[in-house]
C-alpha atoms as a PDB file:
ATOM      1  CA  SER A   1      13.042 -55.948 -21.053  1.00  0.00           C
ATOM      2  CA  PRO A   2      13.549 -53.516 -24.128  1.00  0.00           C
ATOM      3  CA  ILE A   3      11.445 -50.341 -23.856  1.00  0.00           C
ATOM      4  CA  LEU A   4      11.394 -48.912 -27.015  1.00  0.00           C
ATOM      5  CA  GLY A   5      10.622 -44.776 -27.689  1.00  0.00           C
ATOM      6  CA  PRO A   6       9.875 -42.475 -30.548  1.00  0.00           C
ATOM      7  CA  GLY A   7      13.251 -42.727 -32.203  1.00  0.00           C
ATOM      8  CA  VAL A   8      13.036 -46.803 -32.868  1.00  0.00           C
ATOM      9  CA  ASP A   9      10.407 -45.413 -35.678  1.00  0.00           C
ATOM     10  CA  ALA A  10      12.550 -43.178 -37.433  1.00  0.00           C
ATOM     11  CA  GLY A  11      11.893 -43.127 -40.916  1.00  0.00           C
ATOM     12  CA  LEU A  12       9.076 -44.772 -40.589  1.00  0.00           C
ATOM     13  CA  SER A  13       6.921 -41.833 -39.105  1.00  0.00           C
ATOM     14  CA  PRO A  14       7.107 -38.487 -38.739  1.00  0.00           C
ATOM     15  CA  LEU A  15       9.272 -37.686 -35.454  1.00  0.00           C
ATOM     16  CA  ARG A  16       7.233 -36.271 -32.607  1.00  0.00           C
ATOM     17  CA  ASN A  17       9.029 -32.495 -32.712  1.00  0.00           C
ATOM     18  CA  GLU A  18       8.181 -33.058 -36.771  1.00  0.00           C
ATOM     19  CA  LEU A  19       4.990 -33.580 -35.534  1.00  0.00           C
ATOM     20  CA  ALA A  20       4.231 -30.957 -33.316  1.00  0.00           C
ATOM     21  CA  GLN A  21       5.910 -28.385 -35.725  1.00  0.00           C
ATOM     22  CA  ASP A  22       3.664 -29.068 -38.516  1.00  0.00           C
ATOM     23  CA  TRP A  23       0.333 -28.856 -36.233  1.00  0.00           C
ATOM     24  CA  SER A  24       1.950 -25.432 -34.753  1.00  0.00           C
ATOM     25  CA  HIS A  25       2.021 -24.205 -38.321  1.00  0.00           C
ATOM     26  CA  GLU A  26      -1.412 -26.068 -39.299  1.00  0.00           C
ATOM     27  CA  TYR A  27      -2.901 -24.558 -36.422  1.00  0.00           C
ATOM     28  CA  GLU A  28      -1.322 -21.496 -35.507  1.00  0.00           C
ATOM     29  CA  TYR A  29      -0.403 -22.531 -32.642  1.00  0.00           C
ATOM     30  CA  PRO A  30       0.893 -19.337 -30.258  1.00  0.00           C
ATOM     31  CA  LEU A  31       3.331 -19.974 -27.825  1.00  0.00           C
ATOM     32  CA  ALA A  32       6.972 -20.451 -28.545  1.00  0.00           C
ATOM     33  CA  ASP A  33       7.285 -24.535 -27.839  1.00  0.00           C
ATOM     34  CA  HIS A  34       6.620 -25.506 -31.379  1.00  0.00           C
ATOM     35  CA  SER A  35       8.446 -29.024 -31.176  1.00  0.00           C
ATOM     36  CA  ASP A  36       6.718 -29.877 -27.847  1.00  0.00           C
ATOM     37  CA  LEU A  37       4.287 -32.436 -29.159  1.00  0.00           C
ATOM     38  CA  ALA A  38       2.689 -32.979 -25.417  1.00  0.00           C
ATOM     39  CA  ARG A  39       1.961 -28.548 -25.382  1.00  0.00           C
ATOM     40  CA  VAL A  40       0.672 -28.653 -28.800  1.00  0.00           C
ATOM     41  CA  ALA A  41      -1.430 -31.381 -28.521  1.00  0.00           C
ATOM     42  CA  GLN A  42      -2.754 -29.799 -25.167  1.00  0.00           C
ATOM     43  CA  TYR A  43      -3.614 -27.263 -26.889  1.00  0.00           C
ATOM     44  CA  LEU A  44      -5.467 -28.481 -29.515  1.00  0.00           C
ATOM     45  CA  SER A  45      -7.592 -30.765 -27.134  1.00  0.00           C
ATOM     46  CA  VAL A  46      -8.359 -27.326 -25.507  1.00  0.00           C
ATOM     47  CA  ASN A  47      -9.165 -25.580 -28.717  1.00  0.00           C
ATOM     48  CA  TYR A  48     -11.307 -28.411 -30.407  1.00  0.00           C
ATOM     49  CA  ASP A  49     -11.780 -31.775 -27.947  1.00  0.00           C
ATOM     50  CA  PRO A  50      -9.645 -34.153 -26.195  1.00  0.00           C
ATOM     51  CA  LEU A  51      -9.601 -36.749 -28.849  1.00  0.00           C
ATOM     52  CA  TYR A  52      -9.179 -34.412 -31.776  1.00  0.00           C
ATOM     53  CA  ALA A  53      -5.046 -34.544 -31.833  1.00  0.00           C
ATOM     54  CA  LYS A  54      -5.509 -38.096 -30.654  1.00  0.00           C
ATOM     55  CA  GLU A  55      -7.925 -39.265 -33.955  1.00  0.00           C
ATOM     56  CA  LYS A  56      -4.928 -37.281 -35.946  1.00  0.00           C
ATOM     57  CA  ILE A  57      -2.237 -39.421 -34.228  1.00  0.00           C
ATOM     58  CA  GLN A  58      -4.666 -42.512 -35.505  1.00  0.00           C
ATOM     59  CA  GLU A  59      -5.185 -41.515 -39.542  1.00  0.00           C
ATOM     60  CA  GLN A  60      -1.493 -40.493 -39.847  1.00  0.00           C
ATOM     61  CA  LEU A  61      -0.431 -43.976 -38.252  1.00  0.00           C
ATOM     62  CA  GLU A  62      -3.315 -46.347 -40.025  1.00  0.00           C
ATOM     63  CA  ALA A  63      -1.458 -44.969 -43.436  1.00  0.00           C
ATOM     64  CA  VAL A  64       2.127 -45.620 -42.876  1.00  0.00           C
ATOM     65  CA  ASP A  65       3.366 -48.816 -44.254  1.00  0.00           C
ATOM     66  CA  LYS A  66       5.183 -51.245 -42.573  1.00  0.00           C
ATOM     67  CA  PRO A  67       8.800 -51.711 -42.176  1.00  0.00           C
ATOM     68  CA  ASN A  68      11.018 -54.722 -43.992  1.00  0.00           C
ATOM     69  CA  PHE A  69      11.042 -57.377 -41.051  1.00  0.00           C
ATOM     70  CA  SER A  70      12.776 -59.564 -43.405  1.00  0.00           C
ATOM     71  CA  ASP A  71      16.023 -56.944 -42.424  1.00  0.00           C
ATOM     72  CA  PRO A  72      17.876 -58.427 -39.642  1.00  0.00           C
ATOM     73  CA  VAL A  73      18.876 -54.980 -38.566  1.00  0.00           C
ATOM     74  CA  GLN A  74      15.410 -52.949 -38.847  1.00  0.00           C
ATOM     75  CA  PRO A  75      15.140 -52.308 -35.286  1.00  0.00           C
ATOM     76  CA  HIS A  76      11.488 -54.172 -34.235  1.00  0.00           C
ATOM     77  CA  ALA A  77      13.010 -57.218 -36.505  1.00  0.00           C
ATOM     78  CA  ALA A  78      15.987 -57.079 -34.277  1.00  0.00           C
ATOM     79  CA  LEU A  79      14.348 -57.347 -31.340  1.00  0.00           C
ATOM     80  CA  ALA A  80      11.703 -60.020 -32.033  1.00  0.00           C
ATOM     81  CA  ASP A  81      14.962 -62.197 -33.142  1.00  0.00           C
ATOM     82  CA  LEU A  82      15.672 -61.862 -29.190  1.00  0.00           C
ATOM     83  CA  ASP A  83      13.329 -64.331 -28.392  1.00  0.00           C
ATOM     84  CA  LEU A  84      11.888 -62.566 -25.315  1.00  0.00           C
ATOM     85  CA  PRO A  85       8.401 -62.811 -23.382  1.00  0.00           C
ATOM     86  CA  ILE A  86       7.801 -59.352 -22.852  1.00  0.00           C
ATOM     87  CA  TYR A  87       8.379 -56.165 -24.954  1.00  0.00           C
ATOM     88  CA  ILE A  88       7.202 -52.483 -23.732  1.00  0.00           C
ATOM     89  CA  THR A  89       6.534 -49.717 -25.884  1.00  0.00           C
ATOM     90  CA  THR A  90       5.662 -45.932 -25.069  1.00  0.00           C
ATOM     91  CA  ASN A  91       4.517 -45.947 -29.409  1.00  0.00           C
ATOM     92  CA  TYR A  92       1.118 -45.783 -30.749  1.00  0.00           C
ATOM     93  CA  ASP A  93       2.217 -47.968 -33.523  1.00  0.00           C
ATOM     94  CA  ASN A  94       1.773 -51.512 -33.875  1.00  0.00           C
ATOM     95  CA  PHE A  95       5.260 -52.764 -35.492  1.00  0.00           C
ATOM     96  CA  MET A  96       6.512 -54.372 -32.769  1.00  0.00           C
ATOM     97  CA  LEU A  97       3.700 -56.840 -32.598  1.00  0.00           C
ATOM     98  CA  ASP A  98       3.862 -57.149 -36.316  1.00  0.00           C
ATOM     99  CA  ALA A  99       7.534 -57.926 -36.438  1.00  0.00           C
ATOM    100  CA  LEU A 100       7.046 -60.668 -33.964  1.00  0.00           C
ATOM    101  CA  GLN A 101       4.348 -62.215 -36.062  1.00  0.00           C
ATOM    102  CA  ALA A 102       6.965 -61.690 -38.715  1.00  0.00           C
ATOM    103  CA  ARG A 103       9.112 -64.299 -37.277  1.00  0.00           C
ATOM    104  CA  ARG A 104       6.295 -66.654 -36.509  1.00  0.00           C
ATOM    105  CA  LYS A 105       5.635 -66.313 -33.170  1.00  0.00           C
ATOM    106  CA  ASP A 106       2.033 -65.469 -31.319  1.00  0.00           C
ATOM    107  CA  PRO A 107       2.028 -61.911 -29.834  1.00  0.00           C
ATOM    108  CA  GLN A 108      -0.824 -60.614 -27.622  1.00  0.00           C
ATOM    109  CA  LEU A 109      -1.209 -56.895 -27.325  1.00  0.00           C
ATOM    110  CA  GLU A 110      -1.966 -55.421 -23.797  1.00  0.00           C
ATOM    111  CA  LEU A 111      -2.844 -51.622 -23.147  1.00  0.00           C
ATOM    112  CA  CYS A 112      -1.904 -50.040 -20.281  1.00  0.00           C
ATOM    113  CA  ARG A 113      -5.324 -48.921 -18.329  1.00  0.00           C
ATOM    114  CA  TRP A 114      -4.643 -45.682 -16.961  1.00  0.00           C
ATOM    115  CA  ASN A 115      -7.172 -43.155 -17.264  1.00  0.00           C
ATOM    116  CA  SER A 116     -10.675 -44.376 -17.484  1.00  0.00           C
ATOM    117  CA  GLU A 117     -13.649 -46.860 -16.908  1.00  0.00           C
ATOM    118  CA  LEU A 118     -13.688 -47.331 -20.257  1.00  0.00           C
ATOM    119  CA  LEU A 119      -9.855 -48.823 -20.349  1.00  0.00           C
ATOM    120  CA  ARG A 120     -10.183 -50.205 -17.199  1.00  0.00           C
ATOM    121  CA  SER A 121     -13.345 -52.156 -18.771  1.00  0.00           C
ATOM    122  CA  TYR A 122     -11.187 -53.706 -21.924  1.00  0.00           C
ATOM    123  CA  PRO A 123     -10.495 -57.631 -21.650  1.00  0.00           C
ATOM    124  CA  SER A 124      -6.857 -58.280 -20.584  1.00  0.00           C
ATOM    125  CA  VAL A 125      -5.316 -61.095 -21.835  1.00  0.00           C
ATOM    126  CA  LEU A 126      -3.147 -61.299 -18.326  1.00  0.00           C
ATOM    127  CA  GLU A 127      -6.325 -62.065 -16.527  1.00  0.00           C
ATOM    128  CA  THR A 128      -6.981 -64.985 -18.638  1.00  0.00           C
ATOM    129  CA  GLY A 129      -4.649 -67.275 -17.191  1.00  0.00           C
ATOM    130  CA  TYR A 130      -1.824 -66.378 -20.352  1.00  0.00           C
ATOM    131  CA  SER A 131       1.519 -65.830 -19.815  1.00  0.00           C
ATOM    132  CA  PRO A 132       4.262 -64.278 -21.400  1.00  0.00           C
ATOM    133  CA  THR A 133       6.799 -66.985 -23.283  1.00  0.00           C
ATOM    134  CA  PRO A 134       9.149 -66.165 -26.126  1.00  0.00           C
ATOM    135  CA  ALA A 135       7.034 -68.071 -28.312  1.00  0.00           C
ATOM    136  CA  GLN A 136       3.603 -66.205 -27.109  1.00  0.00           C
ATOM    137  CA  PRO A 137       5.375 -62.898 -25.889  1.00  0.00           C
ATOM    138  CA  LEU A 138       3.491 -60.169 -24.522  1.00  0.00           C
ATOM    139  CA  VAL A 139       3.642 -56.450 -26.375  1.00  0.00           C
ATOM    140  CA  TYR A 140       2.498 -53.909 -23.589  1.00  0.00           C
ATOM    141  CA  HIS A 141       1.403 -50.425 -24.970  1.00  0.00           C
ATOM    142  CA  LEU A 142       2.542 -48.504 -21.682  1.00  0.00           C
ATOM    143  CA  HIS A 143       0.880 -45.065 -23.508  1.00  0.00           C
ATOM    144  CA  GLY A 144      -1.347 -46.666 -25.506  1.00  0.00           C
ATOM    145  CA  HIS A 145      -2.519 -47.760 -29.131  1.00  0.00           C
ATOM    146  CA  TYR A 146      -3.750 -46.232 -32.290  1.00  0.00           C
ATOM    147  CA  ASP A 147      -6.584 -48.880 -32.404  1.00  0.00           C
ATOM    148  CA  SER A 148      -7.837 -47.246 -29.236  1.00  0.00           C
ATOM    149  CA  PRO A 149      -7.601 -43.568 -29.124  1.00  0.00           C
ATOM    150  CA  GLU A 150      -8.887 -43.182 -25.748  1.00  0.00           C
ATOM    151  CA  SER A 151      -5.889 -45.028 -24.540  1.00  0.00           C
ATOM    152  CA  LEU A 152      -3.088 -42.598 -25.759  1.00  0.00           C
ATOM    153  CA  VAL A 153      -0.902 -40.508 -23.743  1.00  0.00           C
ATOM    154  CA  LEU A 154      -0.519 -37.666 -25.859  1.00  0.00           C
ATOM    155  CA  THR A 155      -1.165 -34.469 -24.274  1.00  0.00           C
ATOM    156  CA  GLU A 156       0.411 -32.929 -20.785  1.00  0.00           C
ATOM    157  CA  ASP A 157      -2.635 -33.089 -18.712  1.00  0.00           C
ATOM    158  CA  ASP A 158      -2.191 -37.023 -20.110  1.00  0.00           C
ATOM    159  CA  TYR A 159       1.615 -37.225 -18.798  1.00  0.00           C
ATOM    160  CA  LEU A 160      -0.018 -35.891 -15.551  1.00  0.00           C
ATOM    161  CA  ASP A 161      -2.538 -38.283 -15.413  1.00  0.00           C
ATOM    162  CA  PHE A 162      -1.104 -41.045 -16.437  1.00  0.00           C
ATOM    163  CA  LEU A 163       2.021 -40.555 -13.584  1.00  0.00           C
ATOM    164  CA  VAL A 164      -0.616 -40.048 -10.919  1.00  0.00           C
ATOM    165  CA  ASN A 165      -2.682 -42.936 -11.963  1.00  0.00           C
ATOM    166  CA  ILE A 166      -0.027 -45.699 -12.294  1.00  0.00           C
ATOM    167  CA  SER A 167       0.887 -45.191  -8.848  1.00  0.00           C
ATOM    168  CA  SER A 168      -1.991 -45.359  -7.031  1.00  0.00           C
ATOM    169  CA  GLU A 169      -3.886 -48.504  -6.350  1.00  0.00           C
ATOM    170  CA  GLU A 170      -6.784 -48.657  -8.172  1.00  0.00           C
ATOM    171  CA  TYR A 171      -4.674 -48.132 -11.452  1.00  0.00           C
ATOM    172  CA  ARG A 172      -1.672 -50.108 -10.578  1.00  0.00           C
ATOM    173  CA  LEU A 173       0.415 -51.807 -13.332  1.00  0.00           C
ATOM    174  CA  PRO A 174      -0.013 -55.546 -13.433  1.00  0.00           C
ATOM    175  CA  ALA A 175       2.254 -57.610 -11.721  1.00  0.00           C
ATOM    176  CA  ARG A 176       4.167 -59.494 -14.496  1.00  0.00           C
ATOM    177  CA  ILE A 177       5.218 -55.843 -15.877  1.00  0.00           C
ATOM    178  CA  GLN A 178       5.869 -54.818 -12.462  1.00  0.00           C
ATOM    179  CA  GLN A 179       8.106 -57.886 -12.492  1.00  0.00           C
ATOM    180  CA  SER A 180      10.023 -56.646 -15.873  1.00  0.00           C
ATOM    181  CA  LEU A 181      10.321 -53.209 -14.867  1.00  0.00           C
ATOM    182  CA  THR A 182      12.610 -54.623 -11.230  1.00  0.00           C
ATOM    183  CA  GLY A 183      13.589 -57.665 -12.031  1.00  0.00           C
ATOM    184  CA  ALA A 184      15.154 -57.597 -15.188  1.00  0.00           C
ATOM    185  CA  SER A 185      17.680 -55.104 -17.135  1.00  0.00           C
ATOM    186  CA  LEU A 186      15.744 -52.536 -18.842  1.00  0.00           C
ATOM    187  CA  LEU A 187      17.019 -51.233 -22.377  1.00  0.00           C
ATOM    188  CA  PHE A 188      15.400 -48.229 -23.287  1.00  0.00           C
ATOM    189  CA  LEU A 189      15.992 -47.399 -26.547  1.00  0.00           C
ATOM    190  CA  GLY A 190      14.539 -44.618 -28.817  1.00  0.00           C
ATOM    191  CA  TYR A 191      14.557 -42.039 -26.236  1.00  0.00           C
ATOM    192  CA  ASN A 192      15.880 -38.454 -26.048  1.00  0.00           C
ATOM    193  CA  PRO A 193      16.556 -37.425 -22.502  1.00  0.00           C
ATOM    194  CA  THR A 194      14.216 -34.128 -22.726  1.00  0.00           C
ATOM    195  CA  ASP A 195      11.412 -35.827 -24.038  1.00  0.00           C
ATOM    196  CA  TRP A 196       7.960 -36.423 -22.045  1.00  0.00           C
ATOM    197  CA  ASP A 197       7.917 -40.152 -22.716  1.00  0.00           C
ATOM    198  CA  PHE A 198      11.303 -40.316 -20.988  1.00  0.00           C
ATOM    199  CA  ARG A 199      11.009 -38.181 -18.299  1.00  0.00           C
ATOM    200  CA  VAL A 200       7.663 -39.612 -17.120  1.00  0.00           C
ATOM    201  CA  LEU A 201       8.893 -43.145 -17.912  1.00  0.00           C
ATOM    202  CA  PHE A 202      12.277 -42.853 -16.036  1.00  0.00           C
ATOM    203  CA  ARG A 203      11.956 -40.959 -13.761  1.00  0.00           C
ATOM    204  CA  GLY A 204       8.367 -40.945 -12.240  1.00  0.00           C
ATOM    205  CA  LEU A 205       7.745 -44.938 -13.232  1.00  0.00           C
ATOM    206  CA  VAL A 206      11.134 -46.716 -13.207  1.00  0.00           C
ATOM    207  CA  ALA A 207      13.014 -44.688 -10.772  1.00  0.00           C
ATOM    208  CA  ALA A 208      10.339 -45.144  -8.628  1.00  0.00           C
ATOM    209  CA  THR A 209      10.120 -48.682  -8.151  1.00  0.00           C
ATOM    210  CA  GLU A 210      12.013 -50.933  -5.865  1.00  0.00           C
ATOM    211  CA  SER A 211      15.195 -51.394  -7.862  1.00  0.00           C
ATOM    212  CA  SER A 212      16.912 -53.932  -5.736  1.00  0.00           C
ATOM    213  CA  LEU A 213      16.704 -56.956  -7.763  1.00  0.00           C
ATOM    214  CA  ARG A 214      17.422 -55.063 -11.046  1.00  0.00           C
ATOM    215  CA  ARG A 215      20.613 -55.954 -12.960  1.00  0.00           C
ATOM    216  CA  ILE A 216      22.755 -53.261 -14.747  1.00  0.00           C
ATOM    217  CA  SER A 217      20.194 -51.191 -17.083  1.00  0.00           C
ATOM    218  CA  VAL A 218      20.924 -49.705 -20.713  1.00  0.00           C
ATOM    219  CA  THR A 219      19.497 -46.385 -22.536  1.00  0.00           C
ATOM    220  CA  VAL A 220      20.654 -45.604 -26.032  1.00  0.00           C
ATOM    221  CA  GLN A 221      20.700 -41.950 -26.395  1.00  0.00           C
ATOM    222  CA  LEU A 222      22.337 -39.169 -28.651  1.00  0.00           C
ATOM    223  CA  PRO A 223      22.735 -35.840 -26.575  1.00  0.00           C
ATOM    224  CA  PRO A 224      20.382 -33.372 -28.271  1.00  0.00           C
ATOM    225  CA  LEU A 225      23.277 -31.260 -29.700  1.00  0.00           C
ATOM    226  CA  PRO A 226      23.725 -29.698 -33.600  1.00  0.00           C
ATOM    227  CA  ASP A 227      25.981 -30.826 -35.988  1.00  0.00           C
ATOM    228  CA  GLY A 228      29.354 -29.372 -34.961  1.00  0.00           C
ATOM    229  CA  THR A 229      29.222 -28.904 -31.247  1.00  0.00           C
ATOM    230  CA  PRO A 230      32.743 -28.926 -30.230  1.00  0.00           C
ATOM    231  CA  ASP A 231      33.887 -31.924 -28.692  1.00  0.00           C
ATOM    232  CA  ALA A 232      34.422 -30.293 -25.259  1.00  0.00           C
ATOM    233  CA  VAL A 233      30.703 -29.054 -25.368  1.00  0.00           C
ATOM    234  CA  GLN A 234      29.792 -32.847 -26.479  1.00  0.00           C
ATOM    235  CA  GLN A 235      31.856 -34.294 -23.271  1.00  0.00           C
ATOM    236  CA  LYS A 236      30.504 -31.943 -20.774  1.00  0.00           C
ATOM    237  CA  VAL A 237      26.738 -32.694 -21.666  1.00  0.00           C
ATOM    238  CA  GLN A 238      27.288 -36.339 -21.917  1.00  0.00           C
ATOM    239  CA  GLN A 239      29.219 -36.348 -18.712  1.00  0.00           C
ATOM    240  CA  PHE A 240      25.953 -34.289 -17.039  1.00  0.00           C
ATOM    241  CA  LEU A 241      23.546 -36.925 -18.285  1.00  0.00           C
ATOM    242  CA  ASN A 242      25.709 -39.538 -17.286  1.00  0.00           C
ATOM    243  CA  ASP A 243      25.770 -38.207 -13.787  1.00  0.00           C
ATOM    244  CA  TYR A 244      22.293 -37.645 -13.891  1.00  0.00           C
ATOM    245  CA  PHE A 245      21.253 -41.028 -14.702  1.00  0.00           C
ATOM    246  CA  GLY A 246      23.585 -42.292 -12.193  1.00  0.00           C
ATOM    247  CA  SER A 247      22.011 -40.358  -9.218  1.00  0.00           C
ATOM    248  CA  VAL A 248      18.380 -41.511 -10.392  1.00  0.00           C
ATOM    249  CA  ASP A 249      19.950 -45.047 -10.680  1.00  0.00           C
ATOM    250  CA  ASN A 250      23.239 -46.372 -10.416  1.00  0.00           C
ATOM    251  CA  ARG A 251      22.626 -49.355 -12.207  1.00  0.00           C
ATOM    252  CA  MET A 252      21.991 -47.158 -15.527  1.00  0.00           C
ATOM    253  CA  ARG A 253      24.622 -47.183 -18.002  1.00  0.00           C
ATOM    254  CA  VAL A 254      24.582 -44.705 -21.191  1.00  0.00           C
ATOM    255  CA  TYR A 255      25.423 -45.907 -24.592  1.00  0.00           C
ATOM    256  CA  TRP A 256      26.371 -43.329 -26.652  1.00  0.00           C
ATOM    257  CA  GLY A 257      25.304 -43.924 -29.740  1.00  0.00           C
ATOM    258  CA  SER A 258      21.937 -43.786 -32.637  1.00  0.00           C
ATOM    259  CA  THR A 259      19.314 -46.446 -31.749  1.00  0.00           C
ATOM    260  CA  GLN A 260      20.674 -47.625 -35.207  1.00  0.00           C
ATOM    261  CA  GLN A 261      24.044 -48.072 -34.291  1.00  0.00           C
ATOM    262  CA  PHE A 262      22.916 -49.916 -31.479  1.00  0.00           C
ATOM    263  CA  ILE A 263      20.514 -52.107 -33.193  1.00  0.00           C
ATOM    264  CA  ASN A 264      23.384 -53.037 -35.722  1.00  0.00           C
ATOM    265  CA  ALA A 265      25.434 -53.962 -33.115  1.00  0.00           C
ATOM    266  CA  LEU A 266      23.358 -55.496 -30.885  1.00  0.00           C
ATOM    267  CA  ALA A 267      22.344 -57.799 -33.665  1.00  0.00           C
ATOM    268  CA  ALA A 268      25.603 -58.596 -34.859  1.00  0.00           C
ATOM    269  CA  ARG A 269      26.265 -60.020 -31.181  1.00  0.00           C
ATOM    270  CA  TRP A 270      23.160 -62.494 -31.234  1.00  0.00           C
ATOM    271  CA  GLN A 271      23.974 -63.452 -34.849  1.00  0.00           C
ATOM    272  CA  GLY A 272      27.142 -64.580 -33.535  1.00  0.00           C
ATOM    273  CA  ASN A 273      25.801 -66.325 -30.403  1.00  0.00           C
ATOM    274  CA  GLN A 274      23.545 -68.096 -32.394  1.00  0.00           C
ATOM    275  CA  VAL A 275      26.260 -69.208 -34.599  1.00  0.00           C
ATOM    276  CA  LYS A 276      28.223 -70.475 -31.515  1.00  0.00           C
ATOM    277  CA  GLU A 277      25.759 -72.242 -30.061  1.00  0.00           C
ATOM    278  CA  ARG A 278      24.799 -74.018 -33.366  1.00  0.00           C
ATOM    279  CA  ASP A 279      28.371 -75.242 -33.719  1.00  0.00           C
ATOM    280  CA  GLN A 280      28.443 -76.118 -30.043  1.00  0.00           C
ATOM    281  CA  VAL A 281      25.792 -78.759 -30.972  1.00  0.00           C
END
């Protein structure tokens, strides 16, 4: 079960720390943590209104051009080639759905109903008898979709509400999504271990679920260190994060490389397997 984070969109839309810094400058954010989008968005929600920052996100994503899905190592395209039934994302964009449609699949979009009566009243494809398949996969937006600003998990309060609510019976994740989190290998792509997205997702959601049936999972990480950092320091950071992931879930493995490096290797291996299968036939 791939779980897509902000780094998958690198080069397509502004990174969240860049967006936070832009907003900090534009709105004279008074605190020191200018690169923390959740905190800067919290500031805008207090000084303007709760949907102000979310509608700004919506405007920006509506203006973003689609990537080239004919490129087999474009991250969304490479994942679409895997013929999986469920894709989970904490990104707000439509790229995963678009990539699947470009592969002539019939994907269905589903929002996590984490916050309000409005979201919980949205029609659910999972309540219509639909069952995700590789030909008709589900794209599950865990932190919302830009078409519905009220669905976005963006501010600090949103992340806390999300974490509290989805652990309650009233807002519990659909059974099919819970199954994909507990009964399959998980592939975390495009996350920084210090991001709110990853901290809430990994510690509060995945690590809190029953993992006895889960297979080995992988998180793709690059330590948040500047270029030129001595190798000894780099190794210490990697060891610390390896130990951290292992203490929370001993089935977690870390791939120390960029999202694109991992996608390149994944696409090459997948294409090689496809060739072998054709040769055997």
